[in-house]
């Protein structure tokens, strides 16, 4: 028999009371029972941070927290940022600074950023980077995310959603040393800007051999090489028809020895 328990909590400012299984995870309770789909599920091991919500103002991993553990607590999800149809300064900043790509990690990223800015209203870029280390993003290089948090800090200090402008906005952006190396991965560039003919891949300093980075192999380059070197589907089907052993397929074809008569 599955145990149930009556829980009550405040979620996004609204009192909630439900009967839940004692084994039910908070992330499932929020998504399925309350319909708060801004709470995302990622690794389900409490590592990636995609499921992050605020409990009593502090970030927690809802994928490793039981709903019964939230009994009597106050929970905030990303849905609470939007008040009366008006975007929160953090949301405005992420939109203005393009602090997202696929957007799957964005709700949790904004909640962590909110916690950072509550603790340190005027953080340095280094402090923001360190604070966001608990949130994994597989799309971006975090550059624009940090820009967005710095932008949001200025908005919150002024108490307005208006975008910073002029030298103030420029000062919040980190200027990379290789700014002339071409657009970042993904092909994003300013409107009207011509594509760079010899753009240096991300993580590959000038003069670095292709396929290598200063931290070791460039995994993107390696994966591209293997994908193009491996036999394609038509060739694999031909090999199967000929009865050849597919276990012998490698990225480099075997060298046939010369036959002498």
C-alpha atoms as a PDB file:
ATOM      1  CA  UNK A   1       0.000   0.000   0.000  1.00  0.00           C
ATOM      2  CA  UNK A   2       1.319   3.423  -1.006  1.00  0.00           C
ATOM      3  CA  UNK A   3       1.462   5.977   1.786  1.00  0.00           C
ATOM      4  CA  UNK A   4      -0.208   9.354   1.284  1.00  0.00           C
ATOM      5  CA  UNK A   5       0.131  12.517   3.269  1.00  0.00           C
ATOM      6  CA  UNK A   6      -1.689  15.841   3.329  1.00  0.00           C
ATOM      7  CA  UNK A   7       0.633  18.738   2.563  1.00  0.00           C
ATOM      8  CA  UNK A   8       0.064  22.459   2.507  1.00  0.00           C
ATOM      9  CA  UNK A   9       2.416  25.093   1.156  1.00  0.00           C
ATOM     10  CA  UNK A  10       2.456  28.476  -0.522  1.00  0.00           C
ATOM     11  CA  UNK A  11       3.344  28.267  -4.213  1.00  0.00           C
ATOM     12  CA  UNK A  12       3.940  31.520  -6.069  1.00  0.00           C
ATOM     13  CA  UNK A  13       2.019  33.404  -3.398  1.00  0.00           C
ATOM     14  CA  UNK A  14      -1.022  31.089  -3.469  1.00  0.00           C
ATOM     15  CA  UNK A  15      -1.879  28.614  -0.681  1.00  0.00           C
ATOM     16  CA  UNK A  16      -1.965  25.012  -1.904  1.00  0.00           C
ATOM     17  CA  UNK A  17      -3.193  21.910  -0.088  1.00  0.00           C
ATOM     18  CA  UNK A  18      -3.094  18.415  -1.571  1.00  0.00           C
ATOM     19  CA  UNK A  19      -2.907  14.723  -0.738  1.00  0.00           C
ATOM     20  CA  UNK A  20       0.339  13.372  -2.197  1.00  0.00           C
ATOM     21  CA  UNK A  21       2.222  10.112  -2.185  1.00  0.00           C
ATOM     22  CA  UNK A  22       5.123  10.286   0.229  1.00  0.00           C
ATOM     23  CA  UNK A  23       7.428   9.186  -2.575  1.00  0.00           C
ATOM     24  CA  UNK A  24       6.252  11.886  -5.008  1.00  0.00           C
ATOM     25  CA  UNK A  25       8.988  14.276  -6.089  1.00  0.00           C
ATOM     26  CA  UNK A  26       8.459  18.009  -5.796  1.00  0.00           C
ATOM     27  CA  UNK A  27       9.221  18.523  -9.495  1.00  0.00           C
ATOM     28  CA  UNK A  28       6.404  16.122 -10.442  1.00  0.00           C
ATOM     29  CA  UNK A  29       4.052  17.709  -7.923  1.00  0.00           C
ATOM     30  CA  UNK A  30       4.681  21.177  -9.341  1.00  0.00           C
ATOM     31  CA  UNK A  31       4.469  20.132 -12.989  1.00  0.00           C
ATOM     32  CA  UNK A  32       1.732  17.512 -12.985  1.00  0.00           C
ATOM     33  CA  UNK A  33      -0.424  18.412  -9.984  1.00  0.00           C
ATOM     34  CA  UNK A  34      -0.169  22.201 -10.202  1.00  0.00           C
ATOM     35  CA  UNK A  35       0.508  22.594 -13.925  1.00  0.00           C
ATOM     36  CA  UNK A  36       3.625  24.726 -13.449  1.00  0.00           C
ATOM     37  CA  UNK A  37       5.464  23.632 -16.571  1.00  0.00           C
ATOM     38  CA  UNK A  38       8.198  26.223 -16.182  1.00  0.00           C
ATOM     39  CA  UNK A  39       9.783  23.727 -13.784  1.00  0.00           C
ATOM     40  CA  UNK A  40      11.846  21.526 -16.086  1.00  0.00           C
ATOM     41  CA  UNK A  41      13.294  18.060 -15.624  1.00  0.00           C
ATOM     42  CA  UNK A  42      16.885  17.433 -16.649  1.00  0.00           C
ATOM     43  CA  UNK A  43      19.309  14.895 -15.231  1.00  0.00           C
ATOM     44  CA  UNK A  44      17.013  13.766 -12.367  1.00  0.00           C
ATOM     45  CA  UNK A  45      20.101  13.447 -10.176  1.00  0.00           C
ATOM     46  CA  UNK A  46      20.327  17.004  -8.814  1.00  0.00           C
ATOM     47  CA  UNK A  47      23.391  17.838 -10.891  1.00  0.00           C
ATOM     48  CA  UNK A  48      22.372  19.937 -13.906  1.00  0.00           C
ATOM     49  CA  UNK A  49      20.176  22.438 -12.039  1.00  0.00           C
ATOM     50  CA  UNK A  50      17.406  22.470 -14.651  1.00  0.00           C
ATOM     51  CA  UNK A  51      14.781  21.685 -11.993  1.00  0.00           C
ATOM     52  CA  UNK A  52      15.833  24.540  -9.685  1.00  0.00           C
ATOM     53  CA  UNK A  53      13.108  26.370  -7.761  1.00  0.00           C
ATOM     54  CA  UNK A  54      13.191  28.628  -4.706  1.00  0.00           C
ATOM     55  CA  UNK A  55      12.155  27.320  -1.305  1.00  0.00           C
ATOM     56  CA  UNK A  56      11.873  30.104   1.260  1.00  0.00           C
ATOM     57  CA  UNK A  57      14.004  32.250  -1.036  1.00  0.00           C
ATOM     58  CA  UNK A  58      16.816  29.728  -1.516  1.00  0.00           C
ATOM     59  CA  UNK A  59      17.443  27.545  -4.545  1.00  0.00           C
ATOM     60  CA  UNK A  60      16.829  23.815  -4.266  1.00  0.00           C
ATOM     61  CA  UNK A  61      16.820  20.890  -6.693  1.00  0.00           C
ATOM     62  CA  UNK A  62      13.179  19.873  -7.026  1.00  0.00           C
ATOM     63  CA  UNK A  63      14.102  16.584  -8.747  1.00  0.00           C
ATOM     64  CA  UNK A  64      15.690  15.237  -5.552  1.00  0.00           C
ATOM     65  CA  UNK A  65      13.247  16.845  -3.096  1.00  0.00           C
ATOM     66  CA  UNK A  66      10.053  15.101  -2.052  1.00  0.00           C
ATOM     67  CA  UNK A  67       6.825  17.070  -2.087  1.00  0.00           C
ATOM     68  CA  UNK A  68       6.296  16.213   1.584  1.00  0.00           C
ATOM     69  CA  UNK A  69       9.575  17.988   2.380  1.00  0.00           C
ATOM     70  CA  UNK A  70       8.009  21.206   1.116  1.00  0.00           C
ATOM     71  CA  UNK A  71       5.122  20.929   3.568  1.00  0.00           C
ATOM     72  CA  UNK A  72       4.674  24.279   5.297  1.00  0.00           C
ATOM     73  CA  UNK A  73       7.226  25.977   3.055  1.00  0.00           C
ATOM     74  CA  UNK A  74       7.039  28.733   0.446  1.00  0.00           C
ATOM     75  CA  UNK A  75       7.882  27.719  -3.105  1.00  0.00           C
ATOM     76  CA  UNK A  76       8.585  30.020  -6.030  1.00  0.00           C
ATOM     77  CA  UNK A  77       8.823  28.960  -9.670  1.00  0.00           C
ATOM     78  CA  UNK A  78       9.636  30.989 -12.756  1.00  0.00           C
ATOM     79  CA  UNK A  79       5.929  31.666 -13.339  1.00  0.00           C
ATOM     80  CA  UNK A  80       5.972  34.045 -10.365  1.00  0.00           C
ATOM     81  CA  UNK A  81       8.406  36.434 -12.076  1.00  0.00           C
ATOM     82  CA  UNK A  82       5.722  37.714 -14.430  1.00  0.00           C
ATOM     83  CA  UNK A  83       3.331  39.912 -12.490  1.00  0.00           C
ATOM     84  CA  UNK A  84       0.161  41.219 -14.092  1.00  0.00           C
ATOM     85  CA  UNK A  85       1.410  40.468 -17.589  1.00  0.00           C
ATOM     86  CA  UNK A  86       4.542  42.575 -17.040  1.00  0.00           C
ATOM     87  CA  UNK A  87       7.949  40.983 -17.440  1.00  0.00           C
ATOM     88  CA  UNK A  88      10.308  40.962 -14.477  1.00  0.00           C
ATOM     89  CA  UNK A  89      13.570  42.910 -14.987  1.00  0.00           C
ATOM     90  CA  UNK A  90      15.385  39.571 -15.162  1.00  0.00           C
ATOM     91  CA  UNK A  91      13.125  38.393 -17.962  1.00  0.00           C
ATOM     92  CA  UNK A  92      13.569  41.700 -19.767  1.00  0.00           C
ATOM     93  CA  UNK A  93      17.338  41.414 -19.416  1.00  0.00           C
ATOM     94  CA  UNK A  94      17.503  37.824 -20.693  1.00  0.00           C
ATOM     95  CA  UNK A  95      15.389  38.843 -23.685  1.00  0.00           C
ATOM     96  CA  UNK A  96      17.349  42.034 -24.374  1.00  0.00           C
ATOM     97  CA  UNK A  97      20.780  40.388 -24.024  1.00  0.00           C
ATOM     98  CA  UNK A  98      19.821  37.128 -25.791  1.00  0.00           C
ATOM     99  CA  UNK A  99      20.766  35.173 -22.683  1.00  0.00           C
ATOM    100  CA  UNK A 100      19.379  31.895 -23.990  1.00  0.00           C
ATOM    101  CA  UNK A 101      19.423  29.587 -26.960  1.00  0.00           C
ATOM    102  CA  UNK A 102      17.117  26.569 -26.672  1.00  0.00           C
ATOM    103  CA  UNK A 103      15.722  28.018 -23.426  1.00  0.00           C
ATOM    104  CA  UNK A 104      15.387  24.732 -21.550  1.00  0.00           C
ATOM    105  CA  UNK A 105      17.691  25.786 -18.709  1.00  0.00           C
ATOM    106  CA  UNK A 106      16.478  29.417 -18.690  1.00  0.00           C
ATOM    107  CA  UNK A 107      13.734  29.220 -16.011  1.00  0.00           C
ATOM    108  CA  UNK A 108      16.130  27.702 -13.476  1.00  0.00           C
ATOM    109  CA  UNK A 109      18.928  30.023 -14.609  1.00  0.00           C
ATOM    110  CA  UNK A 110      16.758  33.077 -13.916  1.00  0.00           C
ATOM    111  CA  UNK A 111      15.754  31.827 -10.465  1.00  0.00           C
ATOM    112  CA  UNK A 112      19.397  31.255  -9.557  1.00  0.00           C
ATOM    113  CA  UNK A 113      20.212  34.712 -10.921  1.00  0.00           C
ATOM    114  CA  UNK A 114      17.418  36.170  -8.785  1.00  0.00           C
ATOM    115  CA  UNK A 115      18.949  34.570  -5.703  1.00  0.00           C
ATOM    116  CA  UNK A 116      22.392  35.938  -6.628  1.00  0.00           C
ATOM    117  CA  UNK A 117      21.073  39.476  -7.080  1.00  0.00           C
ATOM    118  CA  UNK A 118      19.136  39.354  -3.817  1.00  0.00           C
ATOM    119  CA  UNK A 119      22.319  38.404  -1.985  1.00  0.00           C
ATOM    120  CA  UNK A 120      24.584  40.747  -3.963  1.00  0.00           C
ATOM    121  CA  UNK A 121      22.648  43.545  -5.708  1.00  0.00           C
ATOM    122  CA  UNK A 122      25.741  44.854  -7.499  1.00  0.00           C
ATOM    123  CA  UNK A 123      27.887  41.799  -8.289  1.00  0.00           C
ATOM    124  CA  UNK A 124      31.040  41.612 -10.344  1.00  0.00           C
ATOM    125  CA  UNK A 125      31.126  39.530 -13.518  1.00  0.00           C
ATOM    126  CA  UNK A 126      33.371  37.031 -11.744  1.00  0.00           C
ATOM    127  CA  UNK A 127      30.868  36.676  -8.902  1.00  0.00           C
ATOM    128  CA  UNK A 128      28.040  36.074 -11.387  1.00  0.00           C
ATOM    129  CA  UNK A 129      30.055  33.431 -13.226  1.00  0.00           C
ATOM    130  CA  UNK A 130      30.875  31.667  -9.984  1.00  0.00           C
ATOM    131  CA  UNK A 131      27.270  31.883  -8.784  1.00  0.00           C
ATOM    132  CA  UNK A 132      25.907  30.411 -12.013  1.00  0.00           C
ATOM    133  CA  UNK A 133      28.333  27.482 -11.929  1.00  0.00           C
ATOM    134  CA  UNK A 134      25.586  25.391 -10.333  1.00  0.00           C
ATOM    135  CA  UNK A 135      23.439  25.738 -13.468  1.00  0.00           C
ATOM    136  CA  UNK A 136      24.477  23.835 -16.574  1.00  0.00           C
ATOM    137  CA  UNK A 137      23.736  25.123 -20.073  1.00  0.00           C
ATOM    138  CA  UNK A 138      24.701  22.967 -23.042  1.00  0.00           C
ATOM    139  CA  UNK A 139      23.867  25.552 -25.723  1.00  0.00           C
ATOM    140  CA  UNK A 140      25.714  28.766 -24.878  1.00  0.00           C
ATOM    141  CA  UNK A 141      29.106  29.790 -23.618  1.00  0.00           C
ATOM    142  CA  UNK A 142      27.439  31.611 -20.683  1.00  0.00           C
ATOM    143  CA  UNK A 143      28.708  34.913 -22.142  1.00  0.00           C
ATOM    144  CA  UNK A 144      25.266  36.356 -22.867  1.00  0.00           C
ATOM    145  CA  UNK A 145      23.801  34.835 -19.705  1.00  0.00           C
ATOM    146  CA  UNK A 146      26.319  36.759 -17.604  1.00  0.00           C
ATOM    147  CA  UNK A 147      25.561  39.871 -19.681  1.00  0.00           C
ATOM    148  CA  UNK A 148      21.867  39.383 -18.900  1.00  0.00           C
ATOM    149  CA  UNK A 149      22.428  39.080 -15.149  1.00  0.00           C
ATOM    150  CA  UNK A 150      24.637  42.173 -15.103  1.00  0.00           C
ATOM    151  CA  UNK A 151      21.982  44.014 -17.106  1.00  0.00           C
ATOM    152  CA  UNK A 152      19.265  42.864 -14.692  1.00  0.00           C
ATOM    153  CA  UNK A 153      21.321  44.110 -11.748  1.00  0.00           C
ATOM    154  CA  UNK A 154      21.294  47.618 -13.224  1.00  0.00           C
ATOM    155  CA  UNK A 155      17.564  47.437 -13.922  1.00  0.00           C
ATOM    156  CA  UNK A 156      16.755  46.288 -10.399  1.00  0.00           C
ATOM    157  CA  UNK A 157      18.929  48.978  -8.828  1.00  0.00           C
ATOM    158  CA  UNK A 158      17.074  51.640 -10.815  1.00  0.00           C
ATOM    159  CA  UNK A 159      13.733  50.018 -10.041  1.00  0.00           C
ATOM    160  CA  UNK A 160      12.724  50.002 -13.686  1.00  0.00           C
ATOM    161  CA  UNK A 161      12.545  47.625 -16.611  1.00  0.00           C
ATOM    162  CA  UNK A 162      14.056  50.186 -18.939  1.00  0.00           C
ATOM    163  CA  UNK A 163      17.156  48.963 -20.733  1.00  0.00           C
ATOM    164  CA  UNK A 164      20.507  50.537 -19.774  1.00  0.00           C
ATOM    165  CA  UNK A 165      21.983  52.490 -22.629  1.00  0.00           C
ATOM    166  CA  UNK A 166      25.155  54.191 -23.802  1.00  0.00           C
ATOM    167  CA  UNK A 167      28.417  53.660 -21.935  1.00  0.00           C
ATOM    168  CA  UNK A 168      26.539  52.094 -19.030  1.00  0.00           C
ATOM    169  CA  UNK A 169      25.320  49.219 -21.199  1.00  0.00           C
ATOM    170  CA  UNK A 170      28.722  48.808 -22.839  1.00  0.00           C
ATOM    171  CA  UNK A 171      30.404  48.576 -19.449  1.00  0.00           C
ATOM    172  CA  UNK A 172      28.282  45.579 -18.505  1.00  0.00           C
ATOM    173  CA  UNK A 173      29.428  43.609 -21.537  1.00  0.00           C
ATOM    174  CA  UNK A 174      32.675  41.711 -21.422  1.00  0.00           C
ATOM    175  CA  UNK A 175      34.793  42.472 -24.465  1.00  0.00           C
ATOM    176  CA  UNK A 176      36.595  39.299 -25.596  1.00  0.00           C
ATOM    177  CA  UNK A 177      40.184  39.679 -26.742  1.00  0.00           C
ATOM    178  CA  UNK A 178      39.426  37.725 -29.922  1.00  0.00           C
ATOM    179  CA  UNK A 179      36.468  39.932 -30.894  1.00  0.00           C
ATOM    180  CA  UNK A 180      37.685  40.078 -34.476  1.00  0.00           C
ATOM    181  CA  UNK A 181      37.909  36.292 -34.820  1.00  0.00           C
ATOM    182  CA  UNK A 182      34.334  36.058 -36.140  1.00  0.00           C
ATOM    183  CA  UNK A 183      30.858  35.347 -34.799  1.00  0.00           C
ATOM    184  CA  UNK A 184      30.348  32.897 -31.901  1.00  0.00           C
ATOM    185  CA  UNK A 185      29.368  29.304 -32.553  1.00  0.00           C
ATOM    186  CA  UNK A 186      25.897  29.151 -34.042  1.00  0.00           C
ATOM    187  CA  UNK A 187      26.580  31.815 -36.662  1.00  0.00           C
ATOM    188  CA  UNK A 188      25.068  34.739 -34.720  1.00  0.00           C
ATOM    189  CA  UNK A 189      26.368  38.097 -35.882  1.00  0.00           C
ATOM    190  CA  UNK A 190      25.156  41.660 -35.919  1.00  0.00           C
ATOM    191  CA  UNK A 191      22.711  42.649 -38.650  1.00  0.00           C
ATOM    192  CA  UNK A 192      24.604  43.733 -41.749  1.00  0.00           C
ATOM    193  CA  UNK A 193      27.894  42.217 -40.563  1.00  0.00           C
ATOM    194  CA  UNK A 194      29.678  40.146 -43.175  1.00  0.00           C
ATOM    195  CA  UNK A 195      30.594  36.573 -42.167  1.00  0.00           C
ATOM    196  CA  UNK A 196      34.221  36.022 -41.240  1.00  0.00           C
ATOM    197  CA  UNK A 197      36.060  33.935 -43.821  1.00  0.00           C
ATOM    198  CA  UNK A 198      38.500  32.447 -41.349  1.00  0.00           C
ATOM    199  CA  UNK A 199      36.631  32.492 -38.053  1.00  0.00           C
ATOM    200  CA  UNK A 200      38.455  30.688 -35.287  1.00  0.00           C
ATOM    201  CA  UNK A 201      36.347  27.924 -33.668  1.00  0.00           C
ATOM    202  CA  UNK A 202      35.338  28.553 -30.059  1.00  0.00           C
ATOM    203  CA  UNK A 203      38.018  27.355 -27.625  1.00  0.00           C
ATOM    204  CA  UNK A 204      40.734  27.377 -30.320  1.00  0.00           C
ATOM    205  CA  UNK A 205      43.237  30.245 -29.868  1.00  0.00           C
ATOM    206  CA  UNK A 206      44.962  31.733 -32.937  1.00  0.00           C
ATOM    207  CA  UNK A 207      47.700  29.415 -34.140  1.00  0.00           C
ATOM    208  CA  UNK A 208      46.231  26.372 -32.398  1.00  0.00           C
ATOM    209  CA  UNK A 209      46.129  23.280 -34.685  1.00  0.00           C
ATOM    210  CA  UNK A 210      42.615  22.389 -35.806  1.00  0.00           C
ATOM    211  CA  UNK A 211      41.196  19.573 -33.708  1.00  0.00           C
ATOM    212  CA  UNK A 212      43.070  20.806 -30.639  1.00  0.00           C
ATOM    213  CA  UNK A 213      42.343  23.441 -28.011  1.00  0.00           C
ATOM    214  CA  UNK A 214      44.465  24.803 -25.213  1.00  0.00           C
ATOM    215  CA  UNK A 215      42.699  22.374 -22.892  1.00  0.00           C
ATOM    216  CA  UNK A 216      43.080  19.302 -25.117  1.00  0.00           C
ATOM    217  CA  UNK A 217      41.204  17.828 -28.090  1.00  0.00           C
ATOM    218  CA  UNK A 218      38.454  19.909 -29.683  1.00  0.00           C
ATOM    219  CA  UNK A 219      35.626  17.408 -29.302  1.00  0.00           C
ATOM    220  CA  UNK A 220      33.441  19.156 -31.869  1.00  0.00           C
ATOM    221  CA  UNK A 221      36.168  18.882 -34.491  1.00  0.00           C
ATOM    222  CA  UNK A 222      36.823  15.247 -33.583  1.00  0.00           C
ATOM    223  CA  UNK A 223      33.122  14.380 -33.804  1.00  0.00           C
ATOM    224  CA  UNK A 224      32.829  16.102 -37.189  1.00  0.00           C
ATOM    225  CA  UNK A 225      35.858  14.212 -38.504  1.00  0.00           C
ATOM    226  CA  UNK A 226      34.551  10.852 -37.331  1.00  0.00           C
ATOM    227  CA  UNK A 227      31.062  11.541 -38.710  1.00  0.00           C
ATOM    228  CA  UNK A 228      32.437  12.398 -42.153  1.00  0.00           C
ATOM    229  CA  UNK A 229      35.019   9.596 -42.204  1.00  0.00           C
ATOM    230  CA  UNK A 230      32.684   6.778 -41.181  1.00  0.00           C
ATOM    231  CA  UNK A 231      30.824   4.858 -43.888  1.00  0.00           C
ATOM    232  CA  UNK A 232      27.413   6.247 -44.722  1.00  0.00           C
ATOM    233  CA  UNK A 233      24.156   4.322 -44.480  1.00  0.00           C
ATOM    234  CA  UNK A 234      24.157   3.194 -48.147  1.00  0.00           C
ATOM    235  CA  UNK A 235      27.649   1.796 -47.810  1.00  0.00           C
ATOM    236  CA  UNK A 236      26.786   0.001 -44.573  1.00  0.00           C
ATOM    237  CA  UNK A 237      23.777  -1.645 -46.250  1.00  0.00           C
ATOM    238  CA  UNK A 238      26.003  -2.751 -49.133  1.00  0.00           C
ATOM    239  CA  UNK A 239      28.469  -4.272 -46.684  1.00  0.00           C
ATOM    240  CA  UNK A 240      25.661  -6.135 -44.958  1.00  0.00           C
ATOM    241  CA  UNK A 241      24.499  -7.585 -48.299  1.00  0.00           C
ATOM    242  CA  UNK A 242      28.049  -8.719 -49.035  1.00  0.00           C
ATOM    243  CA  UNK A 243      28.247 -10.390 -45.638  1.00  0.00           C
ATOM    244  CA  UNK A 244      31.124  -8.218 -44.411  1.00  0.00           C
ATOM    245  CA  UNK A 245      31.729  -7.844 -40.683  1.00  0.00           C
ATOM    246  CA  UNK A 246      30.485  -4.415 -39.584  1.00  0.00           C
ATOM    247  CA  UNK A 247      32.639  -4.661 -36.465  1.00  0.00           C
ATOM    248  CA  UNK A 248      35.671  -3.945 -38.641  1.00  0.00           C
ATOM    249  CA  UNK A 249      34.426  -0.460 -39.594  1.00  0.00           C
ATOM    250  CA  UNK A 250      36.788   2.279 -38.436  1.00  0.00           C
ATOM    251  CA  UNK A 251      37.175   5.956 -39.184  1.00  0.00           C
ATOM    252  CA  UNK A 252      40.214   5.077 -41.295  1.00  0.00           C
ATOM    253  CA  UNK A 253      39.938   2.312 -43.926  1.00  0.00           C
ATOM    254  CA  UNK A 254      42.447  -0.538 -43.590  1.00  0.00           C
ATOM    255  CA  UNK A 255      45.542  -0.348 -45.755  1.00  0.00           C
ATOM    256  CA  UNK A 256      45.655  -3.168 -48.257  1.00  0.00           C
ATOM    257  CA  UNK A 257      49.026  -4.797 -48.729  1.00  0.00           C
ATOM    258  CA  UNK A 258      50.437  -4.823 -52.232  1.00  0.00           C
ATOM    259  CA  UNK A 259      50.180  -8.189 -53.911  1.00  0.00           C
ATOM    260  CA  UNK A 260      53.190  -9.342 -55.837  1.00  0.00           C
ATOM    261  CA  UNK A 261      52.876 -11.923 -58.548  1.00  0.00           C
END
